[in-house]
Amino acid sequence: MAIIRKTDIKKMSEKERNEKLKDLKKELVKEHINLSKGGKTKIREIKKTIARLLTMNNLNRLNISVENK
């Protein structure tokens, strides 16, 4: 799964973000199983993307506007 940019995340609805979170968490488990094949960078990317999605969900719940930097 590719890295999701902040602008793409902002365009998603909360339902879409939650679905993407589920998919990424499943993929993270699969990558942990395949860790012996040298997929550490993929795991790092997945974790960062999950963090971005969770951050946007929390900001939207708090009604905080996210500016482009």
C-alpha atoms as a PDB file:
ATOM      1  CA  MET A   1       0.000   0.000   0.000  1.00  0.00           C
ATOM      2  CA  ALA A   2       1.312   3.419  -0.870  1.00  0.00           C
ATOM      3  CA  ILE A   3       1.973   6.286   1.479  1.00  0.00           C
ATOM      4  CA  ILE A   4      -1.055   8.526   1.823  1.00  0.00           C
ATOM      5  CA  ARG A   5      -0.325  12.239   1.752  1.00  0.00           C
ATOM      6  CA  LYS A   6      -1.865  14.737   4.152  1.00  0.00           C
ATOM      7  CA  THR A   7      -3.847  16.396   1.357  1.00  0.00           C
ATOM      8  CA  ASP A   8      -5.352  13.045   0.366  1.00  0.00           C
ATOM      9  CA  ILE A   9      -6.258  12.283   3.973  1.00  0.00           C
ATOM     10  CA  LYS A  10      -7.969  15.654   4.365  1.00  0.00           C
ATOM     11  CA  LYS A  11     -10.179  14.870   1.351  1.00  0.00           C
ATOM     12  CA  MET A  12     -11.354  11.573   2.862  1.00  0.00           C
ATOM     13  CA  SER A  13     -14.441  11.268   4.999  1.00  0.00           C
ATOM     14  CA  GLU A  14     -14.112   9.864   8.504  1.00  0.00           C
ATOM     15  CA  LYS A  15     -15.642   6.589   7.348  1.00  0.00           C
ATOM     16  CA  GLU A  16     -13.049   6.271   4.567  1.00  0.00           C
ATOM     17  CA  ARG A  17     -10.228   7.014   7.013  1.00  0.00           C
ATOM     18  CA  ASN A  18     -11.493   4.343   9.407  1.00  0.00           C
ATOM     19  CA  GLU A  19     -11.670   1.791   6.579  1.00  0.00           C
ATOM     20  CA  LYS A  20      -8.134   2.689   5.513  1.00  0.00           C
ATOM     21  CA  LEU A  21      -6.984   2.301   9.127  1.00  0.00           C
ATOM     22  CA  LYS A  22      -8.415  -1.209   9.259  1.00  0.00           C
ATOM     23  CA  ASP A  23      -6.679  -2.133   6.005  1.00  0.00           C
ATOM     24  CA  LEU A  24      -3.353  -0.703   7.134  1.00  0.00           C
ATOM     25  CA  LYS A  25      -3.489  -2.483  10.477  1.00  0.00           C
ATOM     26  CA  LYS A  26      -4.114  -5.790   8.695  1.00  0.00           C
ATOM     27  CA  GLU A  27      -1.221  -5.078   6.362  1.00  0.00           C
ATOM     28  CA  LEU A  28       0.998  -4.209   9.330  1.00  0.00           C
ATOM     29  CA  VAL A  29       0.317  -7.615  10.898  1.00  0.00           C
ATOM     30  CA  LYS A  30       1.165  -9.322   7.605  1.00  0.00           C
ATOM     31  CA  GLU A  31       4.423  -7.370   7.343  1.00  0.00           C
ATOM     32  CA  HIS A  32       5.378  -8.315  10.907  1.00  0.00           C
ATOM     33  CA  ILE A  33       4.937 -11.950   9.921  1.00  0.00           C
ATOM     34  CA  ASN A  34       7.130 -11.423   6.857  1.00  0.00           C
ATOM     35  CA  LEU A  35       9.739  -9.447   8.787  1.00  0.00           C
ATOM     36  CA  SER A  36      12.352 -12.115   8.133  1.00  0.00           C
ATOM     37  CA  LYS A  37      12.264 -11.087   4.464  1.00  0.00           C
ATOM     38  CA  GLY A  38      13.607  -7.614   5.319  1.00  0.00           C
ATOM     39  CA  GLY A  39      10.498  -5.421   5.276  1.00  0.00           C
ATOM     40  CA  LYS A  40      11.436  -2.956   8.007  1.00  0.00           C
ATOM     41  CA  THR A  41      11.046   0.110   5.789  1.00  0.00           C
ATOM     42  CA  LYS A  42       7.576  -1.019   4.723  1.00  0.00           C
ATOM     43  CA  ILE A  43       6.567  -1.422   8.387  1.00  0.00           C
ATOM     44  CA  ARG A  44       7.843   2.079   9.154  1.00  0.00           C
ATOM     45  CA  GLU A  45       5.841   3.567   6.265  1.00  0.00           C
ATOM     46  CA  ILE A  46       2.669   1.787   7.356  1.00  0.00           C
ATOM     47  CA  LYS A  47       3.059   3.005  10.951  1.00  0.00           C
ATOM     48  CA  LYS A  48       3.565   6.600   9.797  1.00  0.00           C
ATOM     49  CA  THR A  49       0.485   6.427   7.592  1.00  0.00           C
ATOM     50  CA  ILE A  50      -1.579   5.020  10.469  1.00  0.00           C
ATOM     51  CA  ALA A  51      -0.356   7.880  12.662  1.00  0.00           C
ATOM     52  CA  ARG A  52      -1.352  10.438  10.013  1.00  0.00           C
ATOM     53  CA  LEU A  53      -4.844   8.961   9.747  1.00  0.00           C
ATOM     54  CA  LEU A  54      -5.323   8.885  13.519  1.00  0.00           C
ATOM     55  CA  THR A  55      -4.079  12.457  13.827  1.00  0.00           C
ATOM     56  CA  MET A  56      -6.538  13.696  11.220  1.00  0.00           C
ATOM     57  CA  ASN A  57      -9.391  11.808  12.908  1.00  0.00           C
ATOM     58  CA  ASN A  58      -8.538  13.375  16.263  1.00  0.00           C
ATOM     59  CA  LEU A  59      -8.199  16.864  14.796  1.00  0.00           C
ATOM     60  CA  ASN A  60     -11.567  16.538  13.086  1.00  0.00           C
ATOM     61  CA  ARG A  61     -13.186  15.401  16.334  1.00  0.00           C
ATOM     62  CA  LEU A  62     -11.783  18.478  18.058  1.00  0.00           C
ATOM     63  CA  ASN A  63     -12.853  20.687  15.119  1.00  0.00           C
ATOM     64  CA  ILE A  64      -9.330  21.981  14.597  1.00  0.00           C
ATOM     65  CA  SER A  65      -8.488  23.213  11.125  1.00  0.00           C
ATOM     66  CA  VAL A  66      -5.294  21.830   9.599  1.00  0.00           C
ATOM     67  CA  GLU A  67      -3.287  24.266   7.538  1.00  0.00           C
ATOM     68  CA  ASN A  68      -0.984  23.344   4.676  1.00  0.00           C
ATOM     69  CA  LYS A  69       2.600  23.929   5.627  1.00  0.00           C
END
